[in-house]
Amino acid sequence: MTAEQTAAELTTRDVFQQVDRRLTLIEEDLRSLDEKLDDKIGGLRSDMTAGFARADTQIGGLRSEMYAQFGALRTELGARLDSHLKWTLGTMISLTGLTLTVFGLIVVFLKL
């Protein structure tokens, strides 16, 4: 098709050639966009994988820290409970001994 041809001189074949050329350009553009989209999706997947790996590492670190803190709290609580239990048992034994002594003295004084 030359520049001098007017719309009346265009044949059906010329019109089909123009449509074919435009469709070919559209197909090429779509293929290019498809490739770009695949690249972007691949990059996004790798970024997400790296982000999830970092999050897993951080969560693992937090878990380790939390387990260490819980272990320290258990140890401290166990030591305090052990100390309080010993003190409470000692007090109960002392009070029992005192009570028996007082009852023994009362019995002795009542016999006199």
N, C-alpha and C. Protein backbone atom coordinates (compact mmCIF):
# COMPACT_ATOMS: atom_id res chain seq x y z
N MET A 1 0.85 -1.17 0.00
CA MET A 1 0.00 0.00 0.00
C MET A 1 0.89 1.23 0.00
N THR A 2 0.67 2.10 -0.94
CA THR A 2 1.48 3.30 -1.05
C THR A 2 0.76 4.47 -0.44
N ALA A 3 1.50 5.54 -0.23
CA ALA A 3 0.94 6.73 0.40
C ALA A 3 -0.07 7.41 -0.51
N GLU A 4 0.02 7.21 -1.81
CA GLU A 4 -0.88 7.89 -2.74
C GLU A 4 -2.25 7.24 -2.82
N GLN A 5 -2.38 6.01 -2.33
CA GLN A 5 -3.66 5.32 -2.43
C GLN A 5 -4.68 6.00 -1.51
N THR A 6 -5.87 6.13 -1.99
CA THR A 6 -6.94 6.72 -1.19
C THR A 6 -7.76 5.59 -0.60
N ALA A 7 -8.70 5.94 0.23
CA ALA A 7 -9.54 4.93 0.87
C ALA A 7 -10.32 4.14 -0.16
N ALA A 8 -10.69 4.75 -1.26
CA ALA A 8 -11.46 4.07 -2.29
C ALA A 8 -10.61 3.04 -3.01
N GLU A 9 -9.32 3.27 -3.09
CA GLU A 9 -8.44 2.36 -3.81
C GLU A 9 -8.01 1.16 -2.97
N LEU A 10 -8.30 1.17 -1.66
CA LEU A 10 -7.92 0.06 -0.81
C LEU A 10 -8.75 -1.17 -1.16
N THR A 11 -8.09 -2.27 -1.30
CA THR A 11 -8.79 -3.51 -1.59
C THR A 11 -9.02 -4.26 -0.29
N THR A 12 -9.80 -5.31 -0.41
CA THR A 12 -10.07 -6.15 0.75
C THR A 12 -8.78 -6.74 1.27
N ARG A 13 -7.90 -7.11 0.36
CA ARG A 13 -6.61 -7.68 0.76
C ARG A 13 -5.80 -6.66 1.54
N ASP A 14 -5.82 -5.40 1.13
CA ASP A 14 -5.09 -4.34 1.84
C ASP A 14 -5.64 -4.17 3.26
N VAL A 15 -6.95 -4.22 3.37
CA VAL A 15 -7.58 -4.08 4.69
C VAL A 15 -7.19 -5.25 5.58
N PHE A 16 -7.23 -6.48 5.02
CA PHE A 16 -6.84 -7.65 5.79
C PHE A 16 -5.37 -7.60 6.19
N GLN A 17 -4.52 -7.08 5.33
CA GLN A 17 -3.10 -6.94 5.66
C GLN A 17 -2.91 -5.97 6.81
N GLN A 18 -3.68 -4.86 6.78
CA GLN A 18 -3.58 -3.90 7.89
C GLN A 18 -4.06 -4.53 9.21
N VAL A 19 -5.19 -5.24 9.14
CA VAL A 19 -5.72 -5.90 10.33
C VAL A 19 -4.74 -6.95 10.83
N ASP A 20 -4.16 -7.72 9.89
CA ASP A 20 -3.20 -8.74 10.27
C ASP A 20 -1.98 -8.11 10.93
N ARG A 21 -1.49 -7.03 10.37
CA ARG A 21 -0.32 -6.35 10.95
C ARG A 21 -0.62 -5.83 12.35
N ARG A 22 -1.78 -5.24 12.52
CA ARG A 22 -2.15 -4.72 13.84
C ARG A 22 -2.33 -5.85 14.86
N LEU A 23 -2.94 -6.96 14.43
CA LEU A 23 -3.09 -8.10 15.33
C LEU A 23 -1.74 -8.70 15.69
N THR A 24 -0.83 -8.72 14.72
CA THR A 24 0.52 -9.22 14.98
C THR A 24 1.21 -8.35 16.02
N LEU A 25 1.08 -7.04 15.89
CA LEU A 25 1.67 -6.12 16.87
C LEU A 25 1.05 -6.32 18.26
N ILE A 26 -0.26 -6.51 18.30
CA ILE A 26 -0.94 -6.74 19.58
C ILE A 26 -0.44 -8.04 20.21
N GLU A 27 -0.31 -9.11 19.39
CA GLU A 27 0.20 -10.38 19.90
C GLU A 27 1.61 -10.23 20.46
N GLU A 28 2.46 -9.48 19.76
CA GLU A 28 3.83 -9.26 20.23
C GLU A 28 3.83 -8.49 21.55
N ASP A 29 2.97 -7.48 21.64
CA ASP A 29 2.86 -6.72 22.88
C ASP A 29 2.39 -7.61 24.04
N LEU A 30 1.40 -8.47 23.75
CA LEU A 30 0.90 -9.37 24.79
C LEU A 30 1.98 -10.36 25.23
N ARG A 31 2.76 -10.88 24.29
CA ARG A 31 3.83 -11.80 24.64
C ARG A 31 4.87 -11.08 25.51
N SER A 32 5.17 -9.85 25.13
CA SER A 32 6.14 -9.07 25.91
C SER A 32 5.61 -8.82 27.32
N LEU A 33 4.35 -8.45 27.42
CA LEU A 33 3.74 -8.21 28.73
C LEU A 33 3.70 -9.50 29.55
N ASP A 34 3.42 -10.63 28.88
CA ASP A 34 3.39 -11.91 29.57
C ASP A 34 4.76 -12.25 30.14
N GLU A 35 5.81 -12.01 29.37
CA GLU A 35 7.17 -12.27 29.86
C GLU A 35 7.52 -11.37 31.03
N LYS A 36 7.15 -10.08 30.90
CA LYS A 36 7.42 -9.14 32.00
C LYS A 36 6.66 -9.55 33.26
N LEU A 37 5.42 -9.96 33.07
CA LEU A 37 4.61 -10.37 34.21
C LEU A 37 5.20 -11.62 34.87
N ASP A 38 5.65 -12.57 34.05
CA ASP A 38 6.30 -13.76 34.61
C ASP A 38 7.54 -13.39 35.40
N ASP A 39 8.34 -12.46 34.88
CA ASP A 39 9.53 -12.01 35.59
C ASP A 39 9.16 -11.35 36.92
N LYS A 40 8.14 -10.49 36.89
CA LYS A 40 7.72 -9.80 38.11
C LYS A 40 7.19 -10.79 39.14
N ILE A 41 6.41 -11.77 38.68
CA ILE A 41 5.86 -12.77 39.60
C ILE A 41 7.00 -13.60 40.19
N GLY A 42 7.97 -13.96 39.36
CA GLY A 42 9.13 -14.71 39.86
C GLY A 42 9.89 -13.91 40.91
N GLY A 43 10.08 -12.61 40.65
CA GLY A 43 10.75 -11.75 41.63
C GLY A 43 9.95 -11.63 42.91
N LEU A 44 8.65 -11.51 42.77
CA LEU A 44 7.78 -11.41 43.94
C LEU A 44 7.84 -12.69 44.76
N ARG A 45 7.85 -13.84 44.07
CA ARG A 45 7.95 -15.11 44.79
C ARG A 45 9.26 -15.21 45.55
N SER A 46 10.35 -14.82 44.93
CA SER A 46 11.64 -14.90 45.62
C SER A 46 11.69 -13.92 46.79
N ASP A 47 11.12 -12.72 46.60
CA ASP A 47 11.07 -11.76 47.72
C ASP A 47 10.24 -12.30 48.88
N MET A 48 9.10 -12.91 48.55
CA MET A 48 8.24 -13.46 49.60
C MET A 48 8.93 -14.63 50.31
N THR A 49 9.62 -15.46 49.54
CA THR A 49 10.34 -16.58 50.14
C THR A 49 11.41 -16.08 51.09
N ALA A 50 12.14 -15.07 50.65
CA ALA A 50 13.19 -14.49 51.51
C ALA A 50 12.56 -13.85 52.76
N GLY A 51 11.44 -13.17 52.58
CA GLY A 51 10.77 -12.55 53.72
C GLY A 51 10.26 -13.58 54.72
N PHE A 52 9.68 -14.67 54.19
CA PHE A 52 9.21 -15.72 55.08
C PHE A 52 10.37 -16.39 55.80
N ALA A 53 11.49 -16.55 55.11
CA ALA A 53 12.67 -17.16 55.74
C ALA A 53 13.16 -16.26 56.88
N ARG A 54 13.18 -14.93 56.65
CA ARG A 54 13.59 -14.00 57.71
C ARG A 54 12.61 -14.07 58.88
N ALA A 55 11.32 -14.12 58.57
CA ALA A 55 10.31 -14.19 59.63
C ALA A 55 10.47 -15.48 60.42
N ASP A 56 10.71 -16.60 59.73
CA ASP A 56 10.92 -17.88 60.43
C ASP A 56 12.14 -17.80 61.34
N THR A 57 13.20 -17.17 60.86
CA THR A 57 14.41 -17.03 61.67
C THR A 57 14.14 -16.18 62.91
N GLN A 58 13.43 -15.08 62.71
CA GLN A 58 13.11 -14.21 63.84
C GLN A 58 12.20 -14.91 64.84
N ILE A 59 11.22 -15.64 64.33
CA ILE A 59 10.31 -16.37 65.22
C ILE A 59 11.08 -17.43 66.00
N GLY A 60 12.00 -18.11 65.31
CA GLY A 60 12.83 -19.11 65.99
C GLY A 60 13.66 -18.48 67.10
N GLY A 61 14.22 -17.30 66.82
CA GLY A 61 15.00 -16.59 67.84
C GLY A 61 14.13 -16.18 69.02
N LEU A 62 12.93 -15.70 68.72
CA LEU A 62 12.01 -15.31 69.79
C LEU A 62 11.59 -16.51 70.63
N ARG A 63 11.38 -17.64 69.96
CA ARG A 63 11.02 -18.85 70.70
C ARG A 63 12.15 -19.26 71.64
N SER A 64 13.37 -19.23 71.13
CA SER A 64 14.52 -19.59 71.98
C SER A 64 14.63 -18.66 73.18
N GLU A 65 14.46 -17.39 72.92
CA GLU A 65 14.52 -16.40 74.02
C GLU A 65 13.39 -16.63 75.02
N MET A 66 12.20 -16.93 74.50
CA MET A 66 11.06 -17.16 75.38
C MET A 66 11.28 -18.42 76.22
N TYR A 67 11.79 -19.50 75.61
CA TYR A 67 12.06 -20.71 76.36
C TYR A 67 13.11 -20.46 77.44
N ALA A 68 14.11 -19.66 77.12
CA ALA A 68 15.14 -19.34 78.11
C ALA A 68 14.54 -18.56 79.28
N GLN A 69 13.68 -17.59 78.96
CA GLN A 69 13.04 -16.80 80.02
C GLN A 69 12.14 -17.67 80.88
N PHE A 70 11.36 -18.55 80.23
CA PHE A 70 10.49 -19.44 81.01
C PHE A 70 11.31 -20.37 81.89
N GLY A 71 12.43 -20.85 81.37
CA GLY A 71 13.29 -21.71 82.17
C GLY A 71 13.82 -20.98 83.39
N ALA A 72 14.24 -19.73 83.19
CA ALA A 72 14.75 -18.94 84.32
C ALA A 72 13.64 -18.67 85.33
N LEU A 73 12.43 -18.38 84.83
CA LEU A 73 11.31 -18.14 85.75
C LEU A 73 10.97 -19.40 86.54
N ARG A 74 10.98 -20.56 85.86
CA ARG A 74 10.70 -21.82 86.56
C ARG A 74 11.73 -22.06 87.67
N THR A 75 12.99 -21.83 87.34
CA THR A 75 14.05 -22.04 88.32
C THR A 75 13.87 -21.12 89.52
N GLU A 76 13.62 -19.85 89.24
CA GLU A 76 13.44 -18.88 90.32
C GLU A 76 12.20 -19.19 91.15
N LEU A 77 11.11 -19.51 90.47
CA LEU A 77 9.88 -19.83 91.17
C LEU A 77 10.05 -21.09 92.00
N GLY A 78 10.72 -22.09 91.44
CA GLY A 78 10.98 -23.32 92.19
C GLY A 78 11.80 -23.05 93.43
N ALA A 79 12.82 -22.21 93.31
CA ALA A 79 13.66 -21.89 94.46
C ALA A 79 12.85 -21.15 95.53
N ARG A 80 12.03 -20.21 95.09
CA ARG A 80 11.22 -19.45 96.06
C ARG A 80 10.19 -20.35 96.73
N LEU A 81 9.52 -21.19 95.94
CA LEU A 81 8.54 -22.09 96.54
C LEU A 81 9.20 -23.06 97.49
N ASP A 82 10.38 -23.54 97.12
CA ASP A 82 11.12 -24.45 97.99
C ASP A 82 11.45 -23.77 99.31
N SER A 83 11.90 -22.52 99.22
CA SER A 83 12.24 -21.76 100.43
C SER A 83 10.99 -21.52 101.27
N HIS A 84 9.90 -21.12 100.64
CA HIS A 84 8.66 -20.86 101.38
C HIS A 84 8.09 -22.15 101.97
N LEU A 85 8.20 -23.23 101.24
CA LEU A 85 7.69 -24.50 101.74
C LEU A 85 8.48 -24.95 102.97
N LYS A 86 9.79 -24.82 102.90
CA LYS A 86 10.63 -25.18 104.04
C LYS A 86 10.31 -24.31 105.25
N TRP A 87 10.14 -23.02 105.01
CA TRP A 87 9.83 -22.10 106.11
C TRP A 87 8.48 -22.44 106.71
N THR A 88 7.48 -22.73 105.84
CA THR A 88 6.14 -23.05 106.32
C THR A 88 6.14 -24.36 107.11
N LEU A 89 6.84 -25.37 106.59
CA LEU A 89 6.92 -26.65 107.32
C LEU A 89 7.63 -26.48 108.66
N GLY A 90 8.68 -25.70 108.66
CA GLY A 90 9.40 -25.44 109.91
C GLY A 90 8.51 -24.75 110.92
N THR A 91 7.74 -23.77 110.47
CA THR A 91 6.82 -23.05 111.35
C THR A 91 5.75 -23.99 111.89
N MET A 92 5.19 -24.85 111.01
CA MET A 92 4.16 -25.79 111.45
C MET A 92 4.70 -26.77 112.48
N ILE A 93 5.90 -27.27 112.26
CA ILE A 93 6.50 -28.20 113.23
C ILE A 93 6.76 -27.49 114.55
N SER A 94 7.24 -26.26 114.48
CA SER A 94 7.50 -25.50 115.72
C SER A 94 6.21 -25.23 116.47
N LEU A 95 5.15 -24.86 115.75
CA LEU A 95 3.87 -24.60 116.41
C LEU A 95 3.29 -25.88 116.99
N THR A 96 3.47 -26.99 116.30
CA THR A 96 2.99 -28.27 116.84
C THR A 96 3.74 -28.61 118.12
N GLY A 97 5.05 -28.43 118.09
CA GLY A 97 5.85 -28.68 119.30
C GLY A 97 5.45 -27.76 120.43
N LEU A 98 5.22 -26.49 120.13
CA LEU A 98 4.80 -25.53 121.15
C LEU A 98 3.45 -25.92 121.73
N THR A 99 2.53 -26.32 120.85
CA THR A 99 1.19 -26.72 121.30
C THR A 99 1.28 -27.94 122.22
N LEU A 100 2.08 -28.92 121.82
CA LEU A 100 2.24 -30.11 122.67
C LEU A 100 2.88 -29.76 124.01
N THR A 101 3.82 -28.86 123.98
CA THR A 101 4.47 -28.44 125.23
C THR A 101 3.47 -27.75 126.14
N VAL A 102 2.66 -26.86 125.55
CA VAL A 102 1.66 -26.14 126.36
C VAL A 102 0.66 -27.12 126.94
N PHE A 103 0.17 -28.07 126.13
CA PHE A 103 -0.77 -29.07 126.66
C PHE A 103 -0.12 -29.94 127.73
N GLY A 104 1.14 -30.25 127.51
CA GLY A 104 1.86 -31.04 128.53
C GLY A 104 1.98 -30.29 129.85
N LEU A 105 2.27 -29.00 129.77
CA LEU A 105 2.36 -28.18 130.99
C LEU A 105 1.02 -28.06 131.67
N ILE A 106 -0.03 -27.93 130.88
CA ILE A 106 -1.38 -27.83 131.46
C ILE A 106 -1.72 -29.13 132.21
N VAL A 107 -1.38 -30.25 131.59
CA VAL A 107 -1.65 -31.54 132.22
C VAL A 107 -0.85 -31.67 133.52
N VAL A 108 0.41 -31.25 133.49
CA VAL A 108 1.25 -31.32 134.68
C VAL A 108 0.67 -30.44 135.77
N PHE A 109 0.25 -29.23 135.45
CA PHE A 109 -0.28 -28.31 136.45
C PHE A 109 -1.63 -28.80 136.98
N LEU A 110 -2.41 -29.47 136.14
CA LEU A 110 -3.70 -29.97 136.62
C LEU A 110 -3.52 -31.17 137.56
N LYS A 111 -2.47 -31.91 137.43
CA LYS A 111 -2.21 -33.05 138.31
C LYS A 111 -1.70 -32.58 139.68
N LEU A 112 -1.17 -31.44 139.75
CA LEU A 112 -0.63 -30.96 141.02
C LEU A 112 -1.73 -30.54 141.89
